[in-house]
Protein backbone atom coordinates (compact mmCIF):
# COMPACT_ATOMS: atom_id res chain seq x y z
CA MET A 1 -10.61 -13.20 -3.74
CA GLY A 2 -7.20 -14.55 -4.58
CA SER A 3 -5.41 -15.46 -7.80
CA ASP A 4 -4.84 -18.41 -10.07
CA ARG A 5 -1.10 -19.07 -10.38
CA ALA A 6 -1.22 -19.89 -14.09
CA ALA A 7 -3.16 -16.71 -14.85
CA VAL A 8 -0.69 -14.59 -12.87
CA LEU A 9 2.24 -16.23 -14.67
CA GLN A 10 0.63 -15.35 -18.02
CA LEU A 11 0.48 -11.74 -16.87
CA TRP A 12 4.19 -11.85 -16.01
CA GLU A 13 5.07 -13.26 -19.41
CA ARG A 14 2.84 -10.79 -21.27
CA TYR A 15 4.59 -7.75 -19.79
CA GLY A 16 8.08 -9.19 -19.44
CA TRP A 17 8.29 -8.68 -15.68
CA ASP A 18 11.31 -10.17 -13.98
CA ARG A 19 10.60 -13.82 -13.18
CA ARG A 20 12.52 -13.44 -9.91
CA TRP A 21 9.63 -11.36 -8.58
CA PHE A 22 7.22 -14.15 -9.46
CA ASP A 23 9.40 -16.90 -7.99
CA GLY A 24 9.85 -15.00 -4.72
CA GLN A 25 13.62 -14.76 -5.09
CA VAL A 26 13.61 -10.97 -4.67
CA GLY A 27 11.30 -8.17 -3.68
CA GLY A 28 9.24 -10.04 -1.09
CA THR A 29 6.73 -11.61 -3.50
CA ASP A 30 6.11 -14.91 -1.77
CA TRP A 31 2.38 -15.28 -2.47
CA ILE A 32 1.34 -15.20 1.20
CA GLY A 33 -2.12 -16.68 0.88
CA GLU A 34 -2.83 -15.07 -2.50
CA LEU A 35 -2.99 -18.24 -4.59
CA PHE A 36 -6.23 -19.56 -3.12
CA PRO A 37 -9.13 -18.22 -5.21
CA HIS A 38 -12.39 -18.27 -3.26
CA GLU A 39 -15.70 -16.44 -3.02
CA VAL A 40 -16.65 -14.18 -0.12
CA GLU A 41 -19.97 -12.50 0.64
CA LEU A 42 -19.77 -9.03 2.16
CA ASP A 43 -22.11 -6.71 3.98
CA GLY A 44 -22.31 -3.14 2.72
CA PHE A 45 -19.50 -0.81 3.75
CA TRP A 46 -18.05 2.61 3.07
CA MET A 47 -14.37 3.16 2.30
CA TYR A 48 -12.39 6.38 2.05
CA ARG A 49 -11.88 7.32 -1.58
CA ASP A 50 -8.37 8.62 -0.81
CA PRO A 51 -5.74 7.59 1.72
CA VAL A 52 -5.56 9.53 4.99
CA THR A 53 -3.44 12.64 4.44
CA ILE A 54 -0.60 14.06 6.47
CA GLY A 55 -2.83 16.97 7.47
CA GLN A 56 -5.60 14.68 8.69
CA TYR A 57 -3.13 12.60 10.65
CA HIS A 58 -1.62 15.74 12.17
CA ARG A 59 -5.04 16.81 13.49
CA PHE A 60 -5.27 13.41 15.17
CA MET A 61 -1.82 13.96 16.70
CA LEU A 62 -2.78 17.40 18.03
CA ALA A 63 -6.00 16.07 19.55
CA THR A 64 -4.47 13.05 21.24
CA GLY A 65 -0.77 13.78 21.78
CA TYR A 66 0.13 10.84 19.53
CA PRO A 67 3.69 11.02 18.11
CA ALA A 68 4.61 11.54 14.48
CA PRO A 69 5.18 8.36 12.43
CA VAL A 70 8.96 8.57 12.47
CA ASP A 71 11.51 5.87 13.22
CA ALA A 72 14.78 7.51 14.22
CA ALA A 73 16.71 4.48 13.00
CA VAL A 74 15.59 4.86 9.40
CA HIS A 75 14.11 8.34 8.90
CA GLY A 76 15.92 11.60 8.40
CA PRO A 77 15.37 14.87 6.50
CA TRP A 78 15.87 13.00 3.20
CA ASN A 79 13.00 10.51 3.62
CA SER A 80 10.49 11.86 6.12
CA ALA A 81 7.55 14.23 5.75
CA TRP A 82 7.92 15.37 9.37
CA ALA A 83 10.22 17.76 11.22
CA ASP A 84 10.12 18.23 15.00
CA GLY A 85 6.77 16.46 15.22
CA ALA A 86 5.00 18.59 12.60
CA PRO A 87 4.42 18.21 8.86
CA ILE A 88 6.97 19.77 6.54
CA PRO A 89 5.13 22.79 5.04
CA GLY A 90 3.47 22.03 1.74
CA GLY A 91 3.02 18.32 2.39
CA GLU A 92 -0.25 18.37 4.31
CA ASN A 93 -2.34 17.11 1.39
CA LEU A 94 -0.07 14.17 0.56
CA PRO A 95 -0.94 10.70 1.88
CA VAL A 96 0.58 10.04 5.28
CA SER A 97 3.23 7.34 5.12
CA SER A 98 5.61 5.44 7.42
CA VAL A 99 2.66 4.68 9.68
CA SER A 100 2.68 1.34 11.46
CA TRP A 101 -0.42 -0.80 11.73
CA ASP A 102 -0.67 0.31 15.37
CA ASP A 103 -0.58 3.96 14.23
CA ALA A 104 -3.31 3.39 11.64
CA ALA A 105 -5.53 1.56 14.13
CA ALA A 106 -5.09 4.38 16.67
CA TYR A 107 -6.13 6.98 14.11
CA CYS A 108 -9.19 4.96 13.14
CA ALA A 109 -10.27 4.59 16.77
CA TRP A 110 -10.02 8.38 17.20
CA ALA A 111 -11.87 9.13 13.94
CA GLY A 112 -14.70 6.66 14.62
CA VAL A 113 -13.84 4.42 11.68
CA ARG A 114 -11.84 1.22 11.26
CA LEU A 115 -9.33 -0.44 8.99
CA PRO A 116 -10.95 -2.44 6.18
CA THR A 117 -10.89 -6.20 6.13
CA GLU A 118 -8.91 -7.93 3.40
CA ALA A 119 -12.13 -8.93 1.64
CA GLU A 120 -13.39 -5.34 1.67
CA TRP A 121 -10.14 -3.96 0.36
CA GLU A 122 -9.88 -6.52 -2.42
CA TYR A 123 -13.49 -5.91 -3.47
CA ALA A 124 -12.85 -2.17 -3.59
CA ALA A 125 -9.64 -2.73 -5.57
CA ARG A 126 -11.01 -5.30 -8.04
CA GLY A 127 -14.73 -4.54 -8.29
CA PRO A 128 -17.56 -7.06 -8.62
CA ALA A 129 -15.93 -8.63 -11.71
CA GLY A 130 -12.75 -9.44 -9.79
CA SER A 131 -10.51 -7.56 -12.24
CA THR A 132 -6.74 -7.91 -11.99
CA PHE A 133 -6.31 -4.15 -11.61
CA PRO A 134 -8.84 -1.52 -10.47
CA TRP A 135 -9.48 -0.53 -14.11
CA GLY A 136 -9.47 -3.98 -15.77
CA ASP A 137 -7.30 -7.00 -16.54
CA ASP A 138 -4.54 -5.28 -18.55
CA TRP A 139 -1.71 -3.19 -17.15
CA ARG A 140 -2.02 0.44 -18.27
CA PRO A 141 1.02 2.66 -17.66
CA GLY A 142 0.19 6.06 -16.21
CA VAL A 143 -3.19 5.10 -14.74
CA CYS A 144 -1.98 4.77 -11.14
CA ARG A 145 0.87 6.00 -9.03
CA CYS A 146 3.70 3.47 -8.91
CA GLY A 147 7.46 3.39 -9.47
CA GLU A 148 7.02 3.54 -13.25
CA ASP A 149 4.92 6.68 -12.97
CA THR A 150 7.30 8.29 -10.47
CA ALA A 151 10.44 7.48 -12.47
CA GLY A 152 8.88 8.13 -15.86
CA ARG A 153 9.96 4.77 -17.27
CA PRO A 154 8.90 1.12 -16.97
CA PHE A 155 10.67 -1.36 -14.73
CA THR A 156 10.70 -4.99 -15.86
CA ASP A 157 14.07 -5.91 -14.32
CA TYR A 158 14.61 -6.16 -10.58
CA ASP A 159 18.22 -4.94 -10.69
CA GLU A 160 17.30 -1.85 -12.70
CA TRP A 161 14.50 -1.03 -10.28
CA ARG A 162 16.84 -1.45 -7.28
CA ARG A 163 19.40 0.89 -8.85
CA TRP A 164 16.69 3.52 -9.22
CA LEU A 165 15.39 2.86 -5.72
CA ASN A 166 18.84 3.29 -4.18
CA GLY A 167 19.71 6.28 -6.34
CA GLY A 168 17.47 8.83 -4.68
CA CYS A 169 13.82 7.94 -5.24
CA SER A 170 13.36 7.81 -1.46
CA ARG A 171 13.98 11.56 -1.43
CA LEU A 172 10.68 12.08 -3.20
CA GLN A 173 7.35 12.63 -1.52
CA SER A 174 4.60 11.42 -3.82
CA GLY A 175 0.84 11.02 -3.59
CA GLY A 176 -1.13 7.86 -4.29
CA ARG A 177 -4.20 7.11 -6.34
CA PHE A 178 -5.58 3.58 -6.67
CA ASP A 179 -2.58 1.70 -5.46
CA ARG A 180 -1.38 3.14 -2.19
CA ALA A 181 -0.12 0.37 0.06
CA CYS A 182 -2.74 0.08 2.80
CA TRP A 183 -2.90 -1.52 6.22
CA LEU A 184 -5.85 -3.82 6.92
CA SER A 185 -7.63 -5.35 9.88
CA PRO A 186 -5.76 -8.28 11.48
CA ARG A 187 -6.34 -11.79 10.27
CA GLY A 188 -5.40 -14.65 12.53
CA THR A 189 -3.18 -14.42 15.58
CA GLY A 190 0.27 -14.16 14.00
CA PRO A 191 2.79 -11.42 14.75
CA CYS A 192 2.23 -9.63 11.41
CA ARG A 193 -0.59 -7.69 9.80
CA SER A 194 -1.81 -7.82 6.22
CA LEU A 195 -0.70 -5.14 3.80
CA ARG A 196 -2.31 -4.67 0.38
CA GLY A 197 -1.57 -2.66 -2.73
CA GLY A 198 1.48 -1.09 -4.28
CA ALA A 199 2.85 2.42 -3.80
CA TRP A 200 4.61 5.31 -5.48
CA LEU A 201 7.98 3.51 -5.44
CA SER A 202 6.87 -0.06 -6.21
CA THR A 203 6.84 -1.98 -9.46
CA ALA A 204 3.79 -2.44 -11.68
CA HIS A 205 2.93 -5.97 -10.57
CA THR A 206 2.27 -4.79 -7.02
CA SER A 207 -0.71 -2.79 -8.29
CA ARG A 208 -2.68 -6.01 -8.79
CA GLY A 209 -5.78 -6.13 -6.60
CA ALA A 210 -4.89 -9.53 -5.16
CA GLN A 211 -1.32 -8.57 -4.21
CA ARG A 212 -0.84 -9.62 -0.58
CA LEU A 213 1.99 -8.88 1.85
CA CYS A 214 2.48 -8.69 5.60
CA TYR A 215 4.49 -6.59 8.00
CA PRO A 216 5.08 -6.35 11.79
CA PRO A 217 2.31 -4.23 13.36
CA ASP A 218 4.66 -1.84 15.13
CA SER A 219 7.09 -1.18 12.26
CA ARG A 220 7.50 2.29 10.75
CA ASP A 221 10.48 1.15 8.69
CA THR A 222 9.05 2.34 5.39
CA ASN A 223 7.96 5.46 3.55
CA ASP A 224 5.30 3.87 1.37
CA HIS A 225 2.70 2.43 3.77
CA GLY A 226 -0.47 4.47 4.14
CA PHE A 227 -4.05 3.55 5.00
CA ARG A 228 -7.60 4.01 3.81
CA PRO A 229 -10.26 3.58 6.55
CA ALA A 230 -13.65 1.96 6.19
CA ALA A 231 -16.95 1.91 8.06
CA HIS A 232 -20.10 -0.20 8.13
CA LEU A 233 -23.18 1.15 6.42
CA LYS A 234 -25.64 2.68 8.87
């Protein structure tokens, strides 16, 4: 698990990614615990191949009376997959998003599964060889869903990406493949929860398997956080 800083910097230089992302000046990349390479031994586990969908989450809502993952302060018809507590028709097979960690944990408890640990998620994302990306050590445009794939062009400059982000990309509803941002089991006793992976609106570097972020457990202030449950082998 984890990354070597020099190796990550070489990746940045190879693809010309904005150094401000690397230095933590913009975009939230502050290396929260990522730059500590270490080995972990895991028991066997299962993990969902795909993120939980809107339709699956809606069945949970109908069975339990749980509310839709909508924050009235930030969500409206332009950036939500829900209307009056139900999925917008046609979106049922897309990954559910805007879920808080609390929402994801509640779904898992109902479904008889759990959120993966960070070690499980990173193993699933990097494989036994500890690859930088799920497919290997080199960035390959078009292999996973990220902002480049959604916009149809690469983003190496933070300002260019922000202009695209603020120019209407949040109006899109897009599915995820390898790199959907996923909630994980809690680690420690702090007020935040770990969040791993990139998403349909994020830049290429967030698709690295060791990418590590955190977020308040009750926040729905996003439209790119989904989750992928796990379970112990039986």
